[in-house]
């Protein structure tokens, strides 16, 4: 049986170290070191987290500034952007018209829709468009081109037309359409 050992000391004990348990002491020291390392890692993670939060705030601020700059730039240059868009469209249309890649039927049909009357109509077109127009009239004897008189007019550009009725004249010119598009673009907010 184990006996209890009692020791009386004159001074208080500051620390106790058990000499007969070296394995436990080494384990305690290892655990203490691991705890210190974990605290250090936690401190590093907290520091990185704060830096990341600061950088996210900076990116958000920069994105907001960029968005405001974009809106201001577009607002300040709206007319320039509109003119540029119309000029690009003009160049594409000029190239398509000069290569004959357009639908004269659609041009005439659109002009006829704006005509105040559909009787005694004369449609003036460029001489190069006249054969296609005459073919439209022959192919659609009962259609919207029946009864129209097509006349070649050298003063009218290709892909344009002038519809003459007893009640008025309707002009369908590519340039006028482009101008209206440009005006509409400037008005858009």
N, C-alpha and C. Protein backbone atom coordinates (compact mmCIF):
# COMPACT_ATOMS: atom_id res chain seq x y z
N UNK A 1 0.82 -1.16 0.00
CA UNK A 1 0.00 0.00 0.00
C UNK A 1 0.86 1.23 0.00
N UNK A 2 0.41 2.24 -0.62
CA UNK A 2 1.15 3.49 -0.68
C UNK A 2 0.91 4.32 0.55
N UNK A 3 1.97 4.87 1.03
CA UNK A 3 1.84 5.76 2.18
C UNK A 3 1.86 7.18 1.69
N UNK A 4 1.19 8.04 2.40
CA UNK A 4 1.17 9.45 2.08
C UNK A 4 2.37 10.09 2.71
N UNK A 5 3.07 10.82 1.97
CA UNK A 5 4.26 11.51 2.43
C UNK A 5 3.92 12.96 2.66
N UNK A 6 4.25 13.48 3.80
CA UNK A 6 3.99 14.88 4.13
C UNK A 6 5.31 15.56 4.36
N UNK A 7 5.50 16.72 3.75
CA UNK A 7 6.74 17.49 3.90
C UNK A 7 6.36 18.87 4.37
N UNK A 8 7.05 19.38 5.40
CA UNK A 8 6.83 20.73 5.90
C UNK A 8 7.98 21.59 5.43
N UNK A 9 7.68 22.68 4.72
CA UNK A 9 8.71 23.58 4.19
C UNK A 9 8.60 24.93 4.87
N UNK A 10 9.72 25.58 4.99
CA UNK A 10 9.76 26.89 5.64
C UNK A 10 9.29 27.98 4.70
N UNK A 11 9.45 27.79 3.46
CA UNK A 11 9.05 28.81 2.46
C UNK A 11 8.02 28.22 1.50
N UNK A 12 7.17 29.09 0.89
CA UNK A 12 6.19 28.57 -0.05
C UNK A 12 6.87 28.03 -1.33
N UNK A 13 6.24 27.10 -1.98
CA UNK A 13 6.77 26.48 -3.20
C UNK A 13 6.33 27.31 -4.40
N UNK A 14 7.30 27.70 -5.24
CA UNK A 14 7.01 28.50 -6.43
C UNK A 14 6.63 27.61 -7.61
N UNK A 15 7.27 26.50 -7.75
CA UNK A 15 6.97 25.60 -8.86
C UNK A 15 7.31 24.20 -8.45
N UNK A 16 6.66 23.27 -9.08
CA UNK A 16 6.90 21.87 -8.77
C UNK A 16 7.22 21.16 -10.06
N UNK A 17 8.22 20.33 -9.98
CA UNK A 17 8.58 19.53 -11.14
C UNK A 17 8.74 18.11 -10.66
N UNK A 18 8.04 17.26 -11.29
CA UNK A 18 8.13 15.86 -10.88
C UNK A 18 9.24 15.18 -11.65
N UNK A 19 10.17 14.69 -10.98
CA UNK A 19 11.33 14.09 -11.59
C UNK A 19 11.04 12.70 -12.10
N UNK A 20 10.11 12.05 -11.51
CA UNK A 20 9.88 10.68 -11.92
C UNK A 20 8.87 10.55 -13.06
N UNK A 21 8.40 11.73 -13.71
CA UNK A 21 7.45 11.69 -14.82
C UNK A 21 7.95 12.53 -15.98
N UNK A 22 9.09 12.21 -16.58
CA UNK A 22 9.63 13.02 -17.68
C UNK A 22 8.77 12.96 -18.94
N UNK A 23 8.06 11.90 -19.21
CA UNK A 23 7.24 11.78 -20.42
C UNK A 23 6.12 12.79 -20.42
N UNK A 24 5.48 13.00 -19.27
CA UNK A 24 4.38 13.95 -19.18
C UNK A 24 4.88 15.37 -19.35
N UNK A 25 6.02 15.69 -18.82
CA UNK A 25 6.59 17.03 -18.94
C UNK A 25 6.91 17.35 -20.39
N UNK A 26 7.47 16.41 -21.08
CA UNK A 26 7.78 16.61 -22.49
C UNK A 26 6.51 16.80 -23.30
N UNK A 27 5.47 16.06 -22.97
CA UNK A 27 4.19 16.19 -23.66
C UNK A 27 3.57 17.56 -23.40
N UNK A 28 3.66 18.02 -22.15
CA UNK A 28 3.13 19.34 -21.81
C UNK A 28 3.86 20.42 -22.58
N UNK A 29 5.17 20.31 -22.66
CA UNK A 29 5.96 21.29 -23.41
C UNK A 29 5.60 21.26 -24.89
N UNK A 30 5.41 20.09 -25.45
CA UNK A 30 5.03 19.95 -26.86
C UNK A 30 3.66 20.55 -27.10
N UNK A 31 2.71 20.28 -26.17
CA UNK A 31 1.36 20.84 -26.30
C UNK A 31 1.40 22.36 -26.20
N UNK A 32 2.20 22.85 -25.25
CA UNK A 32 2.33 24.31 -25.08
C UNK A 32 2.89 24.94 -26.35
N UNK A 33 3.91 24.33 -26.95
CA UNK A 33 4.51 24.84 -28.17
C UNK A 33 3.49 24.82 -29.32
N UNK A 34 2.71 23.74 -29.39
CA UNK A 34 1.68 23.64 -30.43
C UNK A 34 0.62 24.72 -30.26
N UNK A 35 0.22 24.97 -29.01
CA UNK A 35 -0.77 26.02 -28.74
C UNK A 35 -0.21 27.38 -29.16
N UNK A 36 1.05 27.64 -28.84
CA UNK A 36 1.67 28.91 -29.24
C UNK A 36 1.70 29.04 -30.77
N UNK A 37 2.05 27.95 -31.44
CA UNK A 37 2.08 27.97 -32.91
C UNK A 37 0.68 28.23 -33.49
N UNK A 38 -0.33 27.60 -32.89
CA UNK A 38 -1.70 27.80 -33.36
C UNK A 38 -2.15 29.24 -33.13
N UNK A 39 -1.80 29.79 -31.97
CA UNK A 39 -2.13 31.20 -31.71
C UNK A 39 -1.45 32.10 -32.71
N UNK A 40 -0.21 31.80 -33.06
CA UNK A 40 0.52 32.59 -34.04
C UNK A 40 -0.16 32.50 -35.41
N UNK A 41 -0.57 31.26 -35.80
CA UNK A 41 -1.26 31.08 -37.07
C UNK A 41 -2.60 31.82 -37.08
N UNK A 42 -3.32 31.78 -35.97
CA UNK A 42 -4.59 32.50 -35.86
C UNK A 42 -4.34 33.99 -36.01
N UNK A 43 -3.30 34.48 -35.40
CA UNK A 43 -2.95 35.90 -35.53
C UNK A 43 -2.63 36.25 -36.97
N UNK A 44 -1.88 35.37 -37.65
CA UNK A 44 -1.55 35.60 -39.07
C UNK A 44 -2.81 35.58 -39.93
N UNK A 45 -3.71 34.63 -39.66
CA UNK A 45 -4.97 34.54 -40.42
C UNK A 45 -5.83 35.78 -40.19
N UNK A 46 -5.89 36.25 -38.97
CA UNK A 46 -6.66 37.46 -38.68
C UNK A 46 -6.06 38.65 -39.41
N UNK A 47 -4.74 38.72 -39.43
CA UNK A 47 -4.06 39.81 -40.13
C UNK A 47 -4.34 39.74 -41.63
N UNK A 48 -4.27 38.53 -42.20
CA UNK A 48 -4.56 38.36 -43.63
C UNK A 48 -6.02 38.68 -43.93
N UNK A 49 -6.90 38.27 -43.04
CA UNK A 49 -8.33 38.54 -43.21
C UNK A 49 -8.60 40.04 -43.23
N UNK A 50 -7.97 40.77 -42.35
CA UNK A 50 -8.14 42.23 -42.31
C UNK A 50 -7.59 42.86 -43.59
N UNK A 51 -6.43 42.37 -44.05
CA UNK A 51 -5.85 42.89 -45.29
C UNK A 51 -6.75 42.59 -46.48
N UNK A 52 -7.31 41.38 -46.51
CA UNK A 52 -8.22 41.00 -47.58
C UNK A 52 -9.49 41.86 -47.57
N UNK A 53 -10.02 42.12 -46.38
CA UNK A 53 -11.20 42.99 -46.26
C UNK A 53 -10.88 44.39 -46.76
N UNK A 54 -9.70 44.89 -46.43
CA UNK A 54 -9.27 46.21 -46.89
C UNK A 54 -9.16 46.24 -48.42
N UNK A 55 -8.58 45.19 -49.00
CA UNK A 55 -8.43 45.12 -50.46
C UNK A 55 -9.79 44.99 -51.15
N UNK A 56 -10.70 44.23 -50.57
CA UNK A 56 -12.05 44.12 -51.14
C UNK A 56 -12.75 45.47 -51.13
N UNK A 57 -12.59 46.20 -50.06
CA UNK A 57 -13.16 47.55 -49.99
C UNK A 57 -12.57 48.44 -51.06
N UNK A 58 -11.27 48.33 -51.28
CA UNK A 58 -10.61 49.13 -52.30
C UNK A 58 -11.11 48.78 -53.69
N UNK A 59 -11.27 47.48 -53.97
CA UNK A 59 -11.77 47.05 -55.27
C UNK A 59 -13.20 47.55 -55.48
N UNK A 60 -14.03 47.49 -54.47
CA UNK A 60 -15.40 47.98 -54.56
C UNK A 60 -15.41 49.48 -54.86
N UNK A 61 -14.57 50.22 -54.17
CA UNK A 61 -14.48 51.66 -54.41
C UNK A 61 -14.04 51.95 -55.84
N UNK A 62 -13.04 51.22 -56.31
CA UNK A 62 -12.55 51.42 -57.68
C UNK A 62 -13.63 51.06 -58.71
N UNK A 63 -14.37 49.99 -58.46
CA UNK A 63 -15.44 49.60 -59.38
C UNK A 63 -16.54 50.67 -59.44
N UNK A 64 -16.88 51.24 -58.29
CA UNK A 64 -17.88 52.31 -58.25
C UNK A 64 -17.38 53.54 -59.02
N UNK A 65 -16.12 53.88 -58.83
CA UNK A 65 -15.55 55.03 -59.53
C UNK A 65 -15.52 54.79 -61.04
N UNK A 66 -15.15 53.57 -61.44
CA UNK A 66 -15.12 53.23 -62.86
C UNK A 66 -16.52 53.30 -63.46
N UNK A 67 -17.50 52.82 -62.74
CA UNK A 67 -18.88 52.86 -63.22
C UNK A 67 -19.36 54.30 -63.40
N UNK A 68 -19.05 55.16 -62.42
CA UNK A 68 -19.42 56.58 -62.54
C UNK A 68 -18.70 57.23 -63.72
N UNK A 69 -17.42 56.90 -63.90
CA UNK A 69 -16.65 57.46 -65.01
C UNK A 69 -17.25 57.04 -66.34
N UNK A 70 -17.64 55.76 -66.46
CA UNK A 70 -18.25 55.28 -67.69
C UNK A 70 -19.55 56.03 -67.98
N UNK A 71 -20.39 56.18 -66.97
CA UNK A 71 -21.67 56.87 -67.16
C UNK A 71 -21.44 58.33 -67.56
N UNK A 72 -20.48 58.99 -66.92
CA UNK A 72 -20.18 60.38 -67.26
C UNK A 72 -19.63 60.49 -68.67
N UNK A 73 -18.76 59.55 -69.05
CA UNK A 73 -18.17 59.58 -70.39
C UNK A 73 -19.24 59.41 -71.45
N UNK A 74 -20.13 58.45 -71.22
CA UNK A 74 -21.20 58.24 -72.20
C UNK A 74 -22.11 59.46 -72.27
N UNK A 75 -22.45 60.02 -71.11
CA UNK A 75 -23.32 61.21 -71.09
C UNK A 75 -22.65 62.39 -71.78
N UNK A 76 -21.37 62.58 -71.53
CA UNK A 76 -20.66 63.73 -72.10
C UNK A 76 -20.40 63.57 -73.60
N UNK A 77 -20.37 62.34 -74.08
CA UNK A 77 -20.03 62.10 -75.48
C UNK A 77 -21.16 61.44 -76.25
N UNK A 78 -22.38 61.57 -75.75
CA UNK A 78 -23.53 60.93 -76.39
C UNK A 78 -23.65 61.31 -77.87
N UNK A 79 -23.53 62.58 -78.18
CA UNK A 79 -23.69 62.99 -79.58
C UNK A 79 -22.54 62.47 -80.44
N UNK A 80 -21.32 62.44 -79.88
CA UNK A 80 -20.19 61.90 -80.63
C UNK A 80 -20.39 60.41 -80.90
N UNK A 81 -20.85 59.69 -79.89
CA UNK A 81 -21.09 58.26 -80.03
C UNK A 81 -22.19 58.02 -81.07
N UNK A 82 -23.24 58.84 -81.04
CA UNK A 82 -24.34 58.70 -82.00
C UNK A 82 -23.84 58.95 -83.42
N UNK A 83 -23.06 60.03 -83.58
CA UNK A 83 -22.53 60.33 -84.91
C UNK A 83 -21.63 59.20 -85.41
N UNK A 84 -20.82 58.67 -84.52
CA UNK A 84 -19.94 57.57 -84.90
C UNK A 84 -20.75 56.34 -85.31
N UNK A 85 -21.78 56.01 -84.56
CA UNK A 85 -22.62 54.86 -84.89
C UNK A 85 -23.29 55.04 -86.25
N UNK A 86 -23.80 56.24 -86.50
CA UNK A 86 -24.45 56.51 -87.79
C UNK A 86 -23.43 56.46 -88.92
N UNK A 87 -22.25 56.97 -88.68
CA UNK A 87 -21.21 56.95 -89.72
C UNK A 87 -20.80 55.52 -90.04
N UNK A 88 -20.71 54.68 -89.02
CA UNK A 88 -20.39 53.27 -89.26
C UNK A 88 -21.50 52.62 -90.09
N UNK A 89 -22.76 52.89 -89.72
CA UNK A 89 -23.89 52.36 -90.48
C UNK A 89 -23.87 52.87 -91.91
N UNK A 90 -23.53 54.14 -92.09
CA UNK A 90 -23.48 54.74 -93.43
C UNK A 90 -22.44 54.00 -94.28
N UNK A 91 -21.26 53.76 -93.73
CA UNK A 91 -20.20 53.09 -94.49
C UNK A 91 -20.62 51.67 -94.87
N UNK A 92 -21.28 50.98 -93.95
CA UNK A 92 -21.75 49.62 -94.25
C UNK A 92 -22.80 49.67 -95.35
N UNK A 93 -23.75 50.61 -95.24
CA UNK A 93 -24.81 50.72 -96.25
C UNK A 93 -24.25 51.11 -97.61
N UNK A 94 -23.31 52.03 -97.65
CA UNK A 94 -22.71 52.44 -98.92
C UNK A 94 -22.06 51.24 -99.59
N UNK A 95 -21.35 50.45 -98.81
CA UNK A 95 -20.69 49.27 -99.36
C UNK A 95 -21.73 48.27 -99.88
N UNK A 96 -22.81 48.06 -99.10
CA UNK A 96 -23.84 47.11 -99.52
C UNK A 96 -24.59 47.61 -100.75
N UNK A 97 -24.89 48.91 -100.79
CA UNK A 97 -25.61 49.47 -101.95
C UNK A 97 -24.73 49.39 -103.19
N UNK A 98 -23.45 49.73 -103.05
CA UNK A 98 -22.58 49.70 -104.23
C UNK A 98 -22.37 48.28 -104.74
N UNK A 99 -22.49 47.29 -103.88
CA UNK A 99 -22.37 45.90 -104.34
C UNK A 99 -23.74 45.32 -104.74
N UNK A 100 -24.81 46.12 -104.61
CA UNK A 100 -26.14 45.67 -105.00
C UNK A 100 -26.79 44.75 -103.97
N UNK A 101 -26.27 44.75 -102.76
CA UNK A 101 -26.78 43.87 -101.70
C UNK A 101 -27.82 44.61 -100.86
N UNK A 102 -29.01 44.84 -101.46
CA UNK A 102 -30.12 45.48 -100.75
C UNK A 102 -31.41 45.03 -101.39
N UNK A 103 -32.51 45.25 -100.67
CA UNK A 103 -33.83 44.79 -101.11
C UNK A 103 -34.66 46.01 -101.52
N UNK A 104 -34.68 46.33 -102.81
CA UNK A 104 -35.44 47.49 -103.29
C UNK A 104 -36.93 47.29 -103.04
N UNK A 105 -37.38 46.04 -103.02
CA UNK A 105 -38.79 45.77 -102.74
C UNK A 105 -39.16 46.28 -101.35
N UNK A 106 -38.32 46.03 -100.36
CA UNK A 106 -38.60 46.49 -98.99
C UNK A 106 -38.60 48.01 -98.91
N UNK A 107 -37.70 48.65 -99.66
CA UNK A 107 -37.62 50.11 -99.66
C UNK A 107 -38.92 50.70 -100.22
N UNK A 108 -39.37 50.17 -101.33
CA UNK A 108 -40.59 50.68 -101.97
C UNK A 108 -41.81 50.38 -101.11
N UNK A 109 -41.86 49.18 -100.56
CA UNK A 109 -43.00 48.79 -99.71
C UNK A 109 -43.12 49.74 -98.51
N UNK A 110 -41.99 50.06 -97.89
CA UNK A 110 -42.00 50.97 -96.73
C UNK A 110 -42.51 52.36 -97.15
N UNK A 111 -42.08 52.84 -98.31
CA UNK A 111 -42.54 54.15 -98.79
C UNK A 111 -44.03 54.11 -99.13
N UNK A 112 -44.49 53.03 -99.71
CA UNK A 112 -45.92 52.91 -100.05
C UNK A 112 -46.80 52.90 -98.80
N UNK A 113 -46.30 52.34 -97.71
CA UNK A 113 -47.07 52.32 -96.46
C UNK A 113 -47.32 53.73 -95.94
N UNK A 114 -46.44 54.67 -96.28
CA UNK A 114 -46.61 56.06 -95.82
C UNK A 114 -47.38 56.92 -96.83
N UNK A 115 -47.74 56.33 -97.95
CA UNK A 115 -48.44 57.09 -98.99
C UNK A 115 -49.87 57.38 -98.54
N UNK A 116 -50.36 58.63 -98.77
CA UNK A 116 -51.71 58.99 -98.34
C UNK A 116 -52.80 58.34 -99.19
N UNK A 117 -52.45 57.91 -100.39
CA UNK A 117 -53.41 57.23 -101.26
C UNK A 117 -52.68 56.14 -102.02
N UNK A 118 -53.41 55.18 -102.52
CA UNK A 118 -52.79 54.07 -103.26
C UNK A 118 -53.29 53.98 -104.69
N UNK A 119 -53.64 55.13 -105.27
CA UNK A 119 -54.10 55.17 -106.65
C UNK A 119 -53.25 56.17 -107.41
N UNK A 120 -53.05 55.85 -108.69
CA UNK A 120 -52.27 56.72 -109.58
C UNK A 120 -50.89 57.02 -109.00
N UNK A 121 -50.17 55.98 -108.65
CA UNK A 121 -48.87 56.15 -108.01
C UNK A 121 -47.75 55.95 -109.04
N UNK A 122 -46.78 56.88 -108.98
CA UNK A 122 -45.57 56.79 -109.79
C UNK A 122 -44.42 56.63 -108.81
N UNK A 123 -43.59 55.62 -109.06
CA UNK A 123 -42.43 55.37 -108.21
C UNK A 123 -41.18 55.64 -109.02
N UNK A 124 -40.43 56.64 -108.55
CA UNK A 124 -39.18 57.00 -109.23
C UNK A 124 -38.03 56.28 -108.52
N UNK A 125 -37.19 55.60 -109.32
CA UNK A 125 -36.06 54.85 -108.79
C UNK A 125 -34.83 55.09 -109.67
N UNK A 126 -33.70 54.70 -109.16
CA UNK A 126 -32.46 54.77 -109.91
C UNK A 126 -32.57 53.84 -111.12
N UNK A 127 -32.00 54.23 -112.27
CA UNK A 127 -32.10 53.37 -113.46
C UNK A 127 -31.58 51.94 -113.22
N UNK A 128 -30.62 51.77 -112.32
CA UNK A 128 -30.11 50.42 -112.05
C UNK A 128 -31.12 49.58 -111.26
N UNK A 129 -32.05 50.24 -110.54
CA UNK A 129 -33.07 49.52 -109.77
C UNK A 129 -34.33 49.24 -110.59
N UNK A 130 -34.46 49.91 -111.73
CA UNK A 130 -35.69 49.78 -112.53
C UNK A 130 -35.99 48.35 -112.97
N UNK A 131 -35.04 47.58 -113.49
CA UNK A 131 -35.38 46.21 -113.91
C UNK A 131 -35.92 45.36 -112.75
N UNK A 132 -35.37 45.47 -111.57
CA UNK A 132 -35.86 44.70 -110.42
C UNK A 132 -37.28 45.14 -110.07
N UNK A 133 -37.57 46.44 -110.18
CA UNK A 133 -38.92 46.95 -109.87
C UNK A 133 -39.94 46.45 -110.89
N UNK A 134 -39.57 46.46 -112.15
CA UNK A 134 -40.49 45.98 -113.17
C UNK A 134 -40.77 44.49 -112.99
N UNK A 135 -39.75 43.74 -112.58
CA UNK A 135 -39.94 42.31 -112.30
C UNK A 135 -40.90 42.12 -111.12
N UNK A 136 -40.78 42.97 -110.10
CA UNK A 136 -41.70 42.89 -108.96
C UNK A 136 -43.14 43.09 -109.41
N UNK A 137 -43.35 44.06 -110.30
CA UNK A 137 -44.70 44.35 -110.78
C UNK A 137 -45.24 43.17 -111.59
N UNK A 138 -44.38 42.55 -112.41
CA UNK A 138 -44.82 41.43 -113.24
C UNK A 138 -45.09 40.19 -112.38
N UNK A 139 -44.22 39.94 -111.37
CA UNK A 139 -44.38 38.74 -110.54
C UNK A 139 -45.60 38.83 -109.63
N UNK A 140 -45.96 40.03 -109.21
CA UNK A 140 -47.09 40.18 -108.28
C UNK A 140 -48.21 40.96 -108.91
N UNK A 141 -48.86 40.38 -109.88
CA UNK A 141 -49.93 41.08 -110.59
C UNK A 141 -51.06 41.49 -109.66
N UNK A 142 -51.26 40.78 -108.58
CA UNK A 142 -52.32 41.12 -107.63
C UNK A 142 -51.76 41.76 -106.36
N UNK A 143 -50.46 41.88 -106.22
CA UNK A 143 -49.83 42.34 -104.99
C UNK A 143 -49.77 43.85 -104.86
N UNK A 144 -48.97 44.33 -103.91
CA UNK A 144 -48.89 45.77 -103.65
C UNK A 144 -48.24 46.57 -104.78
N UNK A 145 -47.58 45.88 -105.72
CA UNK A 145 -46.90 46.59 -106.80
C UNK A 145 -47.73 46.63 -108.08
N UNK A 146 -48.88 45.98 -108.05
CA UNK A 146 -49.76 46.00 -109.22
C UNK A 146 -50.29 47.42 -109.41
N UNK A 147 -50.29 47.89 -110.62
CA UNK A 147 -50.82 49.20 -110.94
C UNK A 147 -49.84 50.34 -110.69
N UNK A 148 -48.64 50.05 -110.20
CA UNK A 148 -47.66 51.10 -109.99
C UNK A 148 -46.94 51.39 -111.29
N UNK A 149 -46.59 52.65 -111.48
CA UNK A 149 -45.79 53.02 -112.63
C UNK A 149 -44.37 53.30 -112.12
N UNK A 150 -43.41 52.55 -112.61
CA UNK A 150 -42.01 52.73 -112.23
C UNK A 150 -41.30 53.55 -113.29
N UNK A 151 -40.56 54.56 -112.83
CA UNK A 151 -39.86 55.46 -113.74
C UNK A 151 -38.41 55.57 -113.30
N UNK A 152 -37.50 55.48 -114.27
CA UNK A 152 -36.07 55.64 -113.97
C UNK A 152 -35.76 57.12 -113.81
N UNK A 153 -34.99 57.45 -112.78
CA UNK A 153 -34.62 58.85 -112.50
C UNK A 153 -33.16 58.86 -112.03
N UNK A 154 -32.29 59.42 -112.87
CA UNK A 154 -30.86 59.44 -112.55
C UNK A 154 -30.52 60.28 -111.31
N UNK A 155 -31.40 61.15 -110.90
CA UNK A 155 -31.13 61.99 -109.72
C UNK A 155 -31.37 61.24 -108.41
N UNK A 156 -31.92 60.04 -108.51
CA UNK A 156 -32.19 59.24 -107.32
C UNK A 156 -31.10 58.18 -107.19
N UNK A 157 -30.54 58.08 -106.01
CA UNK A 157 -29.47 57.12 -105.76
C UNK A 157 -30.03 55.70 -105.69
N UNK A 158 -29.15 54.75 -105.85
CA UNK A 158 -29.56 53.34 -105.70
C UNK A 158 -30.07 53.12 -104.28
N UNK A 159 -31.06 52.26 -104.13
CA UNK A 159 -31.70 51.91 -102.86
C UNK A 159 -32.59 53.03 -102.32
N UNK A 160 -32.80 54.09 -103.09
CA UNK A 160 -33.70 55.17 -102.71
C UNK A 160 -34.89 55.14 -103.67
N UNK A 161 -35.97 55.81 -103.27
CA UNK A 161 -37.11 55.95 -104.18
C UNK A 161 -37.93 57.17 -103.78
N UNK A 162 -38.71 57.65 -104.74
CA UNK A 162 -39.66 58.73 -104.51
C UNK A 162 -41.01 58.22 -105.01
N UNK A 163 -42.00 58.26 -104.11
CA UNK A 163 -43.35 57.81 -104.46
C UNK A 163 -44.20 59.07 -104.64
N UNK A 164 -44.74 59.22 -105.85
CA UNK A 164 -45.58 60.38 -106.17
C UNK A 164 -47.03 59.93 -106.25
N UNK A 165 -47.87 60.62 -105.46
CA UNK A 165 -49.30 60.35 -105.48
C UNK A 165 -50.01 61.67 -105.77
N UNK A 166 -51.27 61.63 -106.13
CA UNK A 166 -52.01 62.88 -106.34
C UNK A 166 -52.09 63.72 -105.06
N UNK A 167 -51.93 63.11 -103.91
CA UNK A 167 -52.06 63.84 -102.65
C UNK A 167 -50.72 64.16 -101.99
N UNK A 168 -49.61 63.81 -102.60
CA UNK A 168 -48.32 64.15 -102.02
C UNK A 168 -47.19 63.24 -102.48
N UNK A 169 -46.00 63.61 -102.03
CA UNK A 169 -44.78 62.89 -102.41
C UNK A 169 -44.13 62.31 -101.16
N UNK A 170 -43.71 61.08 -101.26
CA UNK A 170 -43.00 60.42 -100.16
C UNK A 170 -41.61 60.09 -100.66
N UNK A 171 -40.61 60.58 -99.93
CA UNK A 171 -39.21 60.30 -100.28
C UNK A 171 -38.66 59.27 -99.30
N UNK A 172 -38.02 58.27 -99.85
CA UNK A 172 -37.37 57.26 -99.02
C UNK A 172 -35.90 57.22 -99.42
N UNK A 173 -35.11 58.00 -98.67
CA UNK A 173 -33.68 58.10 -98.95
C UNK A 173 -32.90 57.54 -97.77
N UNK A 174 -31.87 56.78 -98.07
CA UNK A 174 -31.03 56.18 -97.03
C UNK A 174 -30.48 57.26 -96.11
N UNK A 175 -30.02 58.37 -96.67
CA UNK A 175 -29.44 59.45 -95.86
C UNK A 175 -30.44 60.02 -94.86
N UNK A 176 -31.70 60.17 -95.29
CA UNK A 176 -32.72 60.68 -94.37
C UNK A 176 -32.99 59.69 -93.24
N UNK A 177 -33.00 58.41 -93.57
CA UNK A 177 -33.20 57.40 -92.53
C UNK A 177 -32.05 57.44 -91.53
N UNK A 178 -30.83 57.58 -92.02
CA UNK A 178 -29.67 57.64 -91.13
C UNK A 178 -29.72 58.88 -90.24
N UNK A 179 -30.17 60.01 -90.79
CA UNK A 179 -30.29 61.23 -89.98
C UNK A 179 -31.30 61.04 -88.86
N UNK A 180 -32.44 60.42 -89.17
CA UNK A 180 -33.46 60.17 -88.14
C UNK A 180 -32.94 59.22 -87.06
N UNK A 181 -32.18 58.22 -87.49
CA UNK A 181 -31.60 57.29 -86.52
C UNK A 181 -30.63 58.03 -85.61
N UNK A 182 -29.79 58.88 -86.20
CA UNK A 182 -28.84 59.66 -85.40
C UNK A 182 -29.54 60.55 -84.39
N UNK A 183 -30.61 61.22 -84.82
CA UNK A 183 -31.38 62.08 -83.90
C UNK A 183 -32.00 61.27 -82.77
N UNK A 184 -32.51 60.09 -83.11
CA UNK A 184 -33.12 59.24 -82.09
C UNK A 184 -32.06 58.76 -81.08
N UNK A 185 -30.88 58.44 -81.57
CA UNK A 185 -29.80 58.00 -80.68
C UNK A 185 -29.39 59.10 -79.70
N UNK A 186 -29.36 60.33 -80.16
CA UNK A 186 -28.98 61.44 -79.29
C UNK A 186 -30.04 61.64 -78.20
N UNK A 187 -31.30 61.44 -78.54
CA UNK A 187 -32.38 61.64 -77.56
C UNK A 187 -32.46 60.53 -76.53
N UNK A 188 -31.99 59.34 -76.86
CA UNK A 188 -32.08 58.21 -75.92
C UNK A 188 -31.22 58.47 -74.69
N UNK A 189 -31.80 58.20 -73.53
CA UNK A 189 -31.07 58.41 -72.27
C UNK A 189 -30.49 57.12 -71.78
